[in-house]
């Protein structure tokens, strides 16, 4: 995972986690 910027807001953290989960789920679904 990319390093988080200092002072990142909770909403930005949530977006990052959601995007990561979406990519992970997408890869699992394709394979």
Foldseek 3Di string as FASTA:
>chain_A
DDDDDPPDDPVVVVVVVVVVVVVVVVVVVVD
